[in-house]
Amino acid sequence: MSEGIRDGKFVELTYKLTDKKLGHVLTRVEFPLGYVHGHNEILAPSVHAQLEGKCAGDVIEVEIDGNQIFGPRDESLVFSDSLENVPEQYRQVGTSILMENDRGQTRSFLVTHLDDERLTVDGNNPLSGRVVVFTLEILSVRDATDEETRAGGAIPAVADIDPSRLRPV
């Protein structure tokens, strides 16, 4: 019998996130995503709770209400401006722009629409106001190494580096 997911286990999985109402896949992670369960909560807590006890080969679906995690959409965080007022580097849908208000608070906005005259940005979390379904496929479950536990996840391979080629930045 294969090992079940519990604290201290190294877990590799893939997932997709689907908008429940529209059926559109919002994002998909097809390469193995590794983490140490109980030490590095990389997904929503409700997703981690549903992973508890599952084994390699299991596929689960977890429904999440974005309003509960990120709050409802705030339409005052959506605004448009004349394209001539927007620097060239921000003129692409999907671009993230970090903005600061007059009190020094920052918020990330996403370019959501662009036409010949106007650009629209949205400061809401993309999951606000949506119900989404995580479909997760558990690829492997094993005991985490001490190094993985300290790091909270997978340890990237380090390429051989010639120290003589390093230069200060």
N, C-alpha and C. Protein backbone atom coordinates (compact mmCIF):
# COMPACT_ATOMS: atom_id res chain seq x y z
N MET A 1 0.84 -1.19 0.00
CA MET A 1 0.00 0.00 0.00
C MET A 1 0.88 1.24 0.00
N SER A 2 0.54 2.22 -0.81
CA SER A 2 1.36 3.42 -0.90
C SER A 2 1.11 4.35 0.29
N GLU A 3 2.09 5.21 0.52
CA GLU A 3 2.03 6.12 1.66
C GLU A 3 0.99 7.22 1.44
N GLY A 4 0.33 7.60 2.53
CA GLY A 4 -0.64 8.69 2.46
C GLY A 4 0.01 10.01 2.84
N ILE A 5 -0.57 11.08 2.35
CA ILE A 5 -0.06 12.42 2.64
C ILE A 5 -0.37 12.77 4.10
N ARG A 6 0.69 13.20 4.80
CA ARG A 6 0.55 13.70 6.17
C ARG A 6 1.76 14.61 6.42
N ASP A 7 1.77 15.27 7.57
CA ASP A 7 2.86 16.18 7.89
C ASP A 7 4.21 15.47 7.74
N GLY A 8 5.16 16.19 7.14
CA GLY A 8 6.50 15.66 6.96
C GLY A 8 6.71 14.85 5.71
N LYS A 9 5.66 14.66 4.93
CA LYS A 9 5.79 13.92 3.66
C LYS A 9 6.09 14.90 2.53
N PHE A 10 7.01 14.49 1.65
CA PHE A 10 7.28 15.25 0.44
C PHE A 10 6.27 14.81 -0.60
N VAL A 11 5.55 15.77 -1.18
CA VAL A 11 4.47 15.48 -2.11
C VAL A 11 4.78 16.15 -3.45
N GLU A 12 4.61 15.42 -4.52
CA GLU A 12 4.67 16.00 -5.86
C GLU A 12 3.30 15.85 -6.49
N LEU A 13 2.84 16.93 -7.10
CA LEU A 13 1.52 16.90 -7.73
C LEU A 13 1.48 17.86 -8.91
N THR A 14 0.46 17.69 -9.71
CA THR A 14 0.12 18.66 -10.75
C THR A 14 -1.31 19.08 -10.49
N TYR A 15 -1.70 20.22 -11.05
CA TYR A 15 -3.09 20.64 -10.86
C TYR A 15 -3.55 21.54 -11.98
N LYS A 16 -4.86 21.67 -12.06
CA LYS A 16 -5.46 22.69 -12.92
C LYS A 16 -6.53 23.38 -12.10
N LEU A 17 -6.78 24.61 -12.45
CA LEU A 17 -7.76 25.44 -11.75
C LEU A 17 -8.79 25.87 -12.78
N THR A 18 -10.06 25.53 -12.53
CA THR A 18 -11.13 25.78 -13.48
C THR A 18 -12.18 26.69 -12.86
N ASP A 19 -12.65 27.67 -13.63
CA ASP A 19 -13.77 28.51 -13.19
C ASP A 19 -15.01 27.64 -13.25
N LYS A 20 -15.67 27.43 -12.11
CA LYS A 20 -16.80 26.50 -12.05
C LYS A 20 -17.96 26.96 -12.94
N LYS A 21 -18.26 28.25 -12.91
CA LYS A 21 -19.40 28.76 -13.66
C LYS A 21 -19.18 28.69 -15.17
N LEU A 22 -18.00 29.11 -15.62
CA LEU A 22 -17.74 29.18 -17.06
C LEU A 22 -17.11 27.91 -17.63
N GLY A 23 -16.49 27.11 -16.76
CA GLY A 23 -15.83 25.90 -17.22
C GLY A 23 -14.47 26.14 -17.86
N HIS A 24 -13.98 27.38 -17.82
CA HIS A 24 -12.68 27.70 -18.40
C HIS A 24 -11.55 27.31 -17.46
N VAL A 25 -10.49 26.72 -18.03
CA VAL A 25 -9.30 26.44 -17.24
C VAL A 25 -8.55 27.75 -17.08
N LEU A 26 -8.35 28.16 -15.83
CA LEU A 26 -7.68 29.44 -15.54
C LEU A 26 -6.17 29.28 -15.50
N THR A 27 -5.71 28.17 -14.98
CA THR A 27 -4.28 27.88 -14.96
C THR A 27 -4.08 26.37 -14.85
N ARG A 28 -2.92 25.95 -15.30
CA ARG A 28 -2.61 24.52 -15.27
C ARG A 28 -1.12 24.39 -14.95
N VAL A 29 -0.80 23.54 -13.99
CA VAL A 29 0.60 23.24 -13.65
C VAL A 29 0.82 21.79 -14.03
N GLU A 30 1.56 21.59 -15.13
CA GLU A 30 1.75 20.23 -15.64
C GLU A 30 3.09 19.63 -15.24
N PHE A 31 4.00 20.46 -14.76
CA PHE A 31 5.28 19.93 -14.27
C PHE A 31 5.10 19.64 -12.79
N PRO A 32 5.81 18.66 -12.25
CA PRO A 32 5.61 18.32 -10.84
C PRO A 32 5.93 19.48 -9.91
N LEU A 33 5.00 19.78 -9.05
CA LEU A 33 5.15 20.80 -8.03
C LEU A 33 5.39 20.06 -6.73
N GLY A 34 6.54 20.29 -6.08
CA GLY A 34 6.88 19.56 -4.87
C GLY A 34 6.86 20.45 -3.64
N TYR A 35 6.37 19.91 -2.55
CA TYR A 35 6.33 20.63 -1.27
C TYR A 35 6.36 19.63 -0.14
N VAL A 36 6.66 20.12 1.07
CA VAL A 36 6.63 19.27 2.27
C VAL A 36 5.34 19.57 3.01
N HIS A 37 4.49 18.58 3.09
CA HIS A 37 3.17 18.76 3.70
C HIS A 37 3.32 19.14 5.17
N GLY A 38 2.60 20.19 5.56
CA GLY A 38 2.66 20.67 6.93
C GLY A 38 3.78 21.67 7.18
N HIS A 39 4.64 21.86 6.19
CA HIS A 39 5.77 22.78 6.35
C HIS A 39 5.76 23.90 5.32
N ASN A 40 5.10 23.69 4.22
CA ASN A 40 5.11 24.67 3.15
C ASN A 40 3.76 24.61 2.44
N GLU A 41 2.81 25.33 2.98
CA GLU A 41 1.46 25.30 2.42
C GLU A 41 1.41 26.19 1.18
N ILE A 42 1.58 25.59 0.03
CA ILE A 42 1.69 26.33 -1.22
C ILE A 42 0.33 26.61 -1.87
N LEU A 43 -0.69 25.92 -1.41
CA LEU A 43 -2.04 26.11 -1.94
C LEU A 43 -2.95 26.56 -0.80
N ALA A 44 -4.18 26.83 -1.10
CA ALA A 44 -5.15 27.26 -0.08
C ALA A 44 -5.26 26.20 1.01
N PRO A 45 -5.44 26.63 2.27
CA PRO A 45 -5.55 25.66 3.38
C PRO A 45 -6.61 24.59 3.15
N SER A 46 -7.73 24.95 2.53
CA SER A 46 -8.77 23.95 2.29
C SER A 46 -8.31 22.89 1.30
N VAL A 47 -7.42 23.26 0.38
CA VAL A 47 -6.87 22.27 -0.56
C VAL A 47 -5.94 21.32 0.19
N HIS A 48 -5.07 21.88 1.03
CA HIS A 48 -4.15 21.03 1.80
C HIS A 48 -4.92 20.07 2.70
N ALA A 49 -6.00 20.53 3.28
CA ALA A 49 -6.81 19.66 4.15
C ALA A 49 -7.37 18.48 3.36
N GLN A 50 -7.78 18.71 2.12
CA GLN A 50 -8.33 17.64 1.30
C GLN A 50 -7.26 16.67 0.80
N LEU A 51 -6.00 17.12 0.75
CA LEU A 51 -4.90 16.25 0.33
C LEU A 51 -4.51 15.26 1.42
N GLU A 52 -4.80 15.61 2.66
CA GLU A 52 -4.43 14.77 3.80
C GLU A 52 -4.94 13.33 3.59
N GLY A 53 -4.01 12.38 3.70
CA GLY A 53 -4.36 10.96 3.59
C GLY A 53 -4.39 10.41 2.17
N LYS A 54 -4.35 11.28 1.16
CA LYS A 54 -4.38 10.80 -0.23
C LYS A 54 -3.03 10.20 -0.59
N CYS A 55 -3.02 9.36 -1.64
CA CYS A 55 -1.83 8.61 -2.05
C CYS A 55 -1.47 8.92 -3.50
N ALA A 56 -0.24 8.55 -3.87
CA ALA A 56 0.19 8.69 -5.26
C ALA A 56 -0.81 8.01 -6.17
N GLY A 57 -1.17 8.67 -7.24
CA GLY A 57 -2.15 8.14 -8.18
C GLY A 57 -3.55 8.68 -7.97
N ASP A 58 -3.82 9.20 -6.79
CA ASP A 58 -5.15 9.77 -6.52
C ASP A 58 -5.34 11.09 -7.28
N VAL A 59 -6.55 11.33 -7.72
CA VAL A 59 -6.94 12.60 -8.34
C VAL A 59 -8.13 13.11 -7.53
N ILE A 60 -8.02 14.35 -7.06
CA ILE A 60 -9.12 14.91 -6.26
C ILE A 60 -9.54 16.26 -6.84
N GLU A 61 -10.77 16.62 -6.54
CA GLU A 61 -11.29 17.93 -6.91
C GLU A 61 -11.70 18.66 -5.63
N VAL A 62 -11.27 19.93 -5.52
CA VAL A 62 -11.59 20.74 -4.35
C VAL A 62 -12.19 22.05 -4.85
N GLU A 63 -13.41 22.34 -4.41
CA GLU A 63 -14.09 23.58 -4.79
C GLU A 63 -13.72 24.68 -3.80
N ILE A 64 -13.41 25.85 -4.31
CA ILE A 64 -13.05 26.99 -3.46
C ILE A 64 -13.83 28.21 -3.90
N ASP A 65 -14.40 28.90 -2.92
CA ASP A 65 -15.09 30.16 -3.17
C ASP A 65 -14.08 31.29 -2.98
N GLY A 66 -13.70 31.93 -4.08
CA GLY A 66 -12.72 33.02 -4.04
C GLY A 66 -13.14 34.16 -3.13
N ASN A 67 -14.44 34.35 -2.95
CA ASN A 67 -14.92 35.41 -2.06
C ASN A 67 -14.49 35.16 -0.62
N GLN A 68 -14.45 33.90 -0.21
CA GLN A 68 -14.06 33.58 1.18
C GLN A 68 -12.58 33.82 1.42
N ILE A 69 -11.76 33.62 0.39
CA ILE A 69 -10.32 33.77 0.54
C ILE A 69 -9.86 35.20 0.25
N PHE A 70 -10.36 35.77 -0.84
CA PHE A 70 -9.87 37.07 -1.29
C PHE A 70 -10.89 38.19 -1.15
N GLY A 71 -12.10 37.86 -0.71
CA GLY A 71 -13.15 38.86 -0.60
C GLY A 71 -13.86 39.05 -1.92
N PRO A 72 -14.99 39.78 -1.89
CA PRO A 72 -15.74 40.03 -3.13
C PRO A 72 -14.99 41.00 -4.03
N ARG A 73 -15.37 40.99 -5.28
CA ARG A 73 -14.77 41.95 -6.22
C ARG A 73 -15.10 43.37 -5.78
N ASP A 74 -14.15 44.26 -5.96
CA ASP A 74 -14.32 45.68 -5.66
C ASP A 74 -14.15 46.43 -6.98
N GLU A 75 -15.26 46.85 -7.54
CA GLU A 75 -15.22 47.50 -8.86
C GLU A 75 -14.48 48.84 -8.84
N SER A 76 -14.26 49.41 -7.64
CA SER A 76 -13.49 50.66 -7.58
C SER A 76 -12.00 50.40 -7.86
N LEU A 77 -11.60 49.12 -7.89
CA LEU A 77 -10.21 48.77 -8.21
C LEU A 77 -10.02 48.50 -9.70
N VAL A 78 -11.04 48.76 -10.49
CA VAL A 78 -10.96 48.60 -11.95
C VAL A 78 -11.08 49.97 -12.57
N PHE A 79 -10.08 50.34 -13.37
CA PHE A 79 -10.17 51.64 -14.03
C PHE A 79 -9.45 51.62 -15.37
N SER A 80 -9.83 52.57 -16.21
CA SER A 80 -9.26 52.71 -17.54
C SER A 80 -8.62 54.07 -17.67
N ASP A 81 -7.65 54.15 -18.58
CA ASP A 81 -6.99 55.41 -18.86
C ASP A 81 -6.69 55.46 -20.35
N SER A 82 -6.51 56.67 -20.83
CA SER A 82 -6.14 56.87 -22.23
C SER A 82 -4.79 56.22 -22.47
N LEU A 83 -4.65 55.52 -23.57
CA LEU A 83 -3.43 54.80 -23.89
C LEU A 83 -2.23 55.74 -23.93
N GLU A 84 -2.44 56.98 -24.32
CA GLU A 84 -1.33 57.94 -24.41
C GLU A 84 -0.73 58.26 -23.03
N ASN A 85 -1.46 57.97 -21.94
CA ASN A 85 -0.95 58.20 -20.59
C ASN A 85 -0.23 56.99 -20.00
N VAL A 86 -0.17 55.90 -20.76
CA VAL A 86 0.38 54.65 -20.25
C VAL A 86 1.73 54.37 -20.91
N PRO A 87 2.79 54.18 -20.09
CA PRO A 87 4.09 53.84 -20.68
C PRO A 87 4.02 52.58 -21.54
N GLU A 88 4.81 52.54 -22.55
CA GLU A 88 4.82 51.45 -23.53
C GLU A 88 4.97 50.07 -22.88
N GLN A 89 5.81 49.95 -21.85
CA GLN A 89 6.08 48.63 -21.25
C GLN A 89 4.86 48.02 -20.56
N TYR A 90 3.81 48.81 -20.33
CA TYR A 90 2.61 48.30 -19.66
C TYR A 90 1.48 48.02 -20.65
N ARG A 91 1.72 48.16 -21.91
CA ARG A 91 0.65 48.04 -22.91
C ARG A 91 0.51 46.61 -23.44
N GLN A 92 0.30 45.67 -22.54
CA GLN A 92 0.07 44.28 -22.93
C GLN A 92 -0.84 43.63 -21.90
N VAL A 93 -1.91 43.00 -22.38
CA VAL A 93 -2.83 42.29 -21.49
C VAL A 93 -2.06 41.22 -20.73
N GLY A 94 -2.29 41.16 -19.41
CA GLY A 94 -1.61 40.20 -18.56
C GLY A 94 -0.42 40.79 -17.81
N THR A 95 -0.02 42.01 -18.18
CA THR A 95 1.10 42.66 -17.50
C THR A 95 0.68 43.07 -16.09
N SER A 96 1.54 42.81 -15.13
CA SER A 96 1.30 43.20 -13.74
C SER A 96 1.99 44.54 -13.49
N ILE A 97 1.27 45.45 -12.86
CA ILE A 97 1.80 46.79 -12.57
C ILE A 97 1.66 47.04 -11.08
N LEU A 98 2.76 47.32 -10.41
CA LEU A 98 2.73 47.65 -8.99
C LEU A 98 2.51 49.15 -8.86
N MET A 99 1.42 49.54 -8.20
CA MET A 99 1.08 50.96 -8.04
C MET A 99 1.07 51.32 -6.56
N GLU A 100 1.33 52.60 -6.30
CA GLU A 100 1.37 53.11 -4.93
C GLU A 100 0.40 54.27 -4.80
N ASN A 101 -0.38 54.28 -3.69
CA ASN A 101 -1.31 55.39 -3.48
C ASN A 101 -0.60 56.51 -2.72
N ASP A 102 -1.32 57.58 -2.43
CA ASP A 102 -0.72 58.74 -1.78
C ASP A 102 -0.33 58.48 -0.32
N ARG A 103 -0.75 57.34 0.24
CA ARG A 103 -0.36 56.96 1.61
C ARG A 103 0.81 55.98 1.61
N GLY A 104 1.38 55.70 0.44
CA GLY A 104 2.52 54.80 0.34
C GLY A 104 2.18 53.32 0.31
N GLN A 105 0.88 52.99 0.23
CA GLN A 105 0.46 51.60 0.16
C GLN A 105 0.55 51.12 -1.29
N THR A 106 1.03 49.90 -1.47
CA THR A 106 1.16 49.36 -2.83
C THR A 106 0.13 48.27 -3.07
N ARG A 107 -0.21 48.11 -4.33
CA ARG A 107 -1.14 47.06 -4.76
C ARG A 107 -0.76 46.70 -6.19
N SER A 108 -0.87 45.42 -6.49
CA SER A 108 -0.59 44.96 -7.84
C SER A 108 -1.88 45.02 -8.67
N PHE A 109 -1.77 45.60 -9.84
CA PHE A 109 -2.88 45.67 -10.80
C PHE A 109 -2.49 44.87 -12.03
N LEU A 110 -3.49 44.29 -12.67
CA LEU A 110 -3.28 43.48 -13.86
C LEU A 110 -3.94 44.16 -15.04
N VAL A 111 -3.21 44.28 -16.15
CA VAL A 111 -3.80 44.83 -17.37
C VAL A 111 -4.77 43.79 -17.91
N THR A 112 -6.06 44.17 -18.00
CA THR A 112 -7.08 43.20 -18.41
C THR A 112 -7.67 43.49 -19.78
N HIS A 113 -7.51 44.72 -20.28
CA HIS A 113 -8.06 45.07 -21.58
C HIS A 113 -7.23 46.17 -22.21
N LEU A 114 -7.10 46.08 -23.52
CA LEU A 114 -6.33 47.06 -24.28
C LEU A 114 -6.97 47.19 -25.65
N ASP A 115 -7.22 48.42 -26.06
CA ASP A 115 -7.65 48.64 -27.43
C ASP A 115 -6.85 49.81 -28.00
N ASP A 116 -7.28 50.37 -29.13
CA ASP A 116 -6.51 51.43 -29.78
C ASP A 116 -6.47 52.72 -28.97
N GLU A 117 -7.40 52.90 -28.03
CA GLU A 117 -7.48 54.17 -27.31
C GLU A 117 -7.30 54.06 -25.80
N ARG A 118 -7.69 52.92 -25.21
CA ARG A 118 -7.71 52.84 -23.74
C ARG A 118 -7.08 51.54 -23.24
N LEU A 119 -6.61 51.61 -22.00
CA LEU A 119 -6.08 50.45 -21.30
C LEU A 119 -6.84 50.33 -19.98
N THR A 120 -7.21 49.09 -19.59
CA THR A 120 -7.94 48.86 -18.36
C THR A 120 -7.10 47.97 -17.45
N VAL A 121 -7.04 48.35 -16.16
CA VAL A 121 -6.34 47.56 -15.15
C VAL A 121 -7.32 47.17 -14.05
N ASP A 122 -7.00 46.06 -13.35
CA ASP A 122 -7.86 45.54 -12.30
C ASP A 122 -6.98 45.18 -11.10
N GLY A 123 -7.28 45.76 -9.94
CA GLY A 123 -6.53 45.49 -8.72
C GLY A 123 -7.11 44.37 -7.88
N ASN A 124 -8.18 43.74 -8.32
CA ASN A 124 -8.76 42.61 -7.60
C ASN A 124 -7.91 41.36 -7.83
N ASN A 125 -7.89 40.47 -6.84
CA ASN A 125 -7.28 39.18 -7.07
C ASN A 125 -8.09 38.49 -8.17
N PRO A 126 -7.45 37.84 -9.14
CA PRO A 126 -8.19 37.20 -10.23
C PRO A 126 -9.24 36.18 -9.78
N LEU A 127 -9.13 35.67 -8.54
CA LEU A 127 -10.11 34.69 -8.07
C LEU A 127 -11.25 35.33 -7.27
N SER A 128 -11.17 36.63 -7.00
CA SER A 128 -12.25 37.32 -6.28
C SER A 128 -13.54 37.19 -7.08
N GLY A 129 -14.61 36.85 -6.37
CA GLY A 129 -15.91 36.75 -7.01
C GLY A 129 -16.13 35.49 -7.82
N ARG A 130 -15.20 34.55 -7.77
CA ARG A 130 -15.33 33.32 -8.55
C ARG A 130 -15.37 32.11 -7.63
N VAL A 131 -16.05 31.08 -8.09
CA VAL A 131 -15.94 29.76 -7.48
C VAL A 131 -15.09 28.96 -8.44
N VAL A 132 -14.02 28.37 -7.91
CA VAL A 132 -13.09 27.62 -8.76
C VAL A 132 -12.96 26.19 -8.25
N VAL A 133 -12.52 25.33 -9.14
CA VAL A 133 -12.31 23.92 -8.80
C VAL A 133 -10.85 23.59 -9.08
N PHE A 134 -10.14 23.16 -8.02
CA PHE A 134 -8.80 22.62 -8.16
C PHE A 134 -8.94 21.15 -8.46
N THR A 135 -8.34 20.69 -9.55
CA THR A 135 -8.23 19.26 -9.84
C THR A 135 -6.76 18.92 -9.68
N LEU A 136 -6.45 18.11 -8.68
CA LEU A 136 -5.07 17.79 -8.34
C LEU A 136 -4.79 16.32 -8.58
N GLU A 137 -3.65 16.03 -9.20
CA GLU A 137 -3.20 14.65 -9.37
C GLU A 137 -1.94 14.47 -8.55
N ILE A 138 -1.99 13.55 -7.60
CA ILE A 138 -0.85 13.29 -6.73
C ILE A 138 0.07 12.31 -7.46
N LEU A 139 1.30 12.76 -7.70
CA LEU A 139 2.26 11.95 -8.44
C LEU A 139 3.10 11.07 -7.53
N SER A 140 3.54 11.62 -6.40
CA SER A 140 4.36 10.83 -5.48
C SER A 140 4.21 11.36 -4.06
N VAL A 141 4.41 10.46 -3.11
CA VAL A 141 4.39 10.78 -1.68
C VAL A 141 5.50 9.96 -1.05
N ARG A 142 6.39 10.64 -0.32
CA ARG A 142 7.49 9.94 0.35
C ARG A 142 7.93 10.76 1.56
N ASP A 143 8.77 10.18 2.39
CA ASP A 143 9.32 10.92 3.51
C ASP A 143 10.19 12.04 2.96
N ALA A 144 10.06 13.23 3.53
CA ALA A 144 10.90 14.36 3.13
C ALA A 144 12.27 14.22 3.75
N THR A 145 13.28 14.67 3.03
CA THR A 145 14.62 14.71 3.62
C THR A 145 14.68 15.88 4.59
N ASP A 146 15.69 15.87 5.46
CA ASP A 146 15.87 16.99 6.39
C ASP A 146 16.05 18.30 5.62
N GLU A 147 16.80 18.25 4.54
CA GLU A 147 17.04 19.45 3.74
C GLU A 147 15.74 19.96 3.11
N GLU A 148 14.91 19.08 2.60
CA GLU A 148 13.63 19.48 2.02
C GLU A 148 12.71 20.07 3.10
N THR A 149 12.72 19.48 4.29
CA THR A 149 11.90 20.00 5.38
C THR A 149 12.34 21.41 5.75
N ARG A 150 13.66 21.62 5.87
CA ARG A 150 14.16 22.97 6.19
C ARG A 150 13.78 23.97 5.10
N ALA A 151 13.86 23.54 3.84
CA ALA A 151 13.56 24.43 2.72
C ALA A 151 12.05 24.55 2.47
N GLY A 152 11.27 23.61 2.95
CA GLY A 152 9.83 23.63 2.74
C GLY A 152 9.41 23.03 1.41
N GLY A 153 10.35 22.50 0.66
CA GLY A 153 9.99 21.92 -0.63
C GLY A 153 11.19 21.34 -1.34
N ALA A 154 11.04 21.21 -2.65
CA ALA A 154 12.07 20.61 -3.48
C ALA A 154 13.34 21.46 -3.44
N ILE A 155 14.47 20.79 -3.48
CA ILE A 155 15.76 21.46 -3.51
C ILE A 155 16.21 21.48 -4.96
N PRO A 156 16.34 22.68 -5.56
CA PRO A 156 16.75 22.74 -6.95
C PRO A 156 18.18 22.24 -7.12
N ALA A 157 18.42 21.60 -8.24
CA ALA A 157 19.78 21.15 -8.55
C ALA A 157 20.65 22.38 -8.77
N VAL A 158 21.87 22.33 -8.24
CA VAL A 158 22.80 23.44 -8.39
C VAL A 158 23.81 23.07 -9.46
N ALA A 159 23.92 23.93 -10.46
CA ALA A 159 24.88 23.69 -11.53
C ALA A 159 26.30 23.91 -10.99
N ASP A 160 27.26 23.23 -11.58
CA ASP A 160 28.65 23.48 -11.21
C ASP A 160 29.01 24.89 -11.63
N ILE A 161 29.53 25.67 -10.69
CA ILE A 161 29.86 27.06 -10.95
C ILE A 161 31.35 27.24 -10.74
N ASP A 162 32.00 27.86 -11.69
CA ASP A 162 33.40 28.19 -11.58
C ASP A 162 33.50 29.52 -10.83
N PRO A 163 33.99 29.51 -9.57
CA PRO A 163 34.03 30.74 -8.77
C PRO A 163 34.83 31.85 -9.43
N SER A 164 35.79 31.51 -10.27
CA SER A 164 36.61 32.55 -10.92
C SER A 164 35.80 33.37 -11.92
N ARG A 165 34.62 32.86 -12.31
CA ARG A 165 33.79 33.57 -13.29
C ARG A 165 32.75 34.45 -12.63
N LEU A 166 32.68 34.42 -11.28
CA LEU A 166 31.71 35.25 -10.57
C LEU A 166 32.20 36.68 -10.51
N ARG A 167 31.31 37.61 -10.69
CA ARG A 167 31.62 39.04 -10.64
C ARG A 167 30.62 39.73 -9.72
N PRO A 168 31.03 40.75 -8.95
CA PRO A 168 30.09 41.47 -8.12
C PRO A 168 29.05 42.18 -8.97
N VAL A 169 27.88 42.33 -8.41
CA VAL A 169 26.80 43.00 -9.12
C VAL A 169 26.70 44.43 -8.66
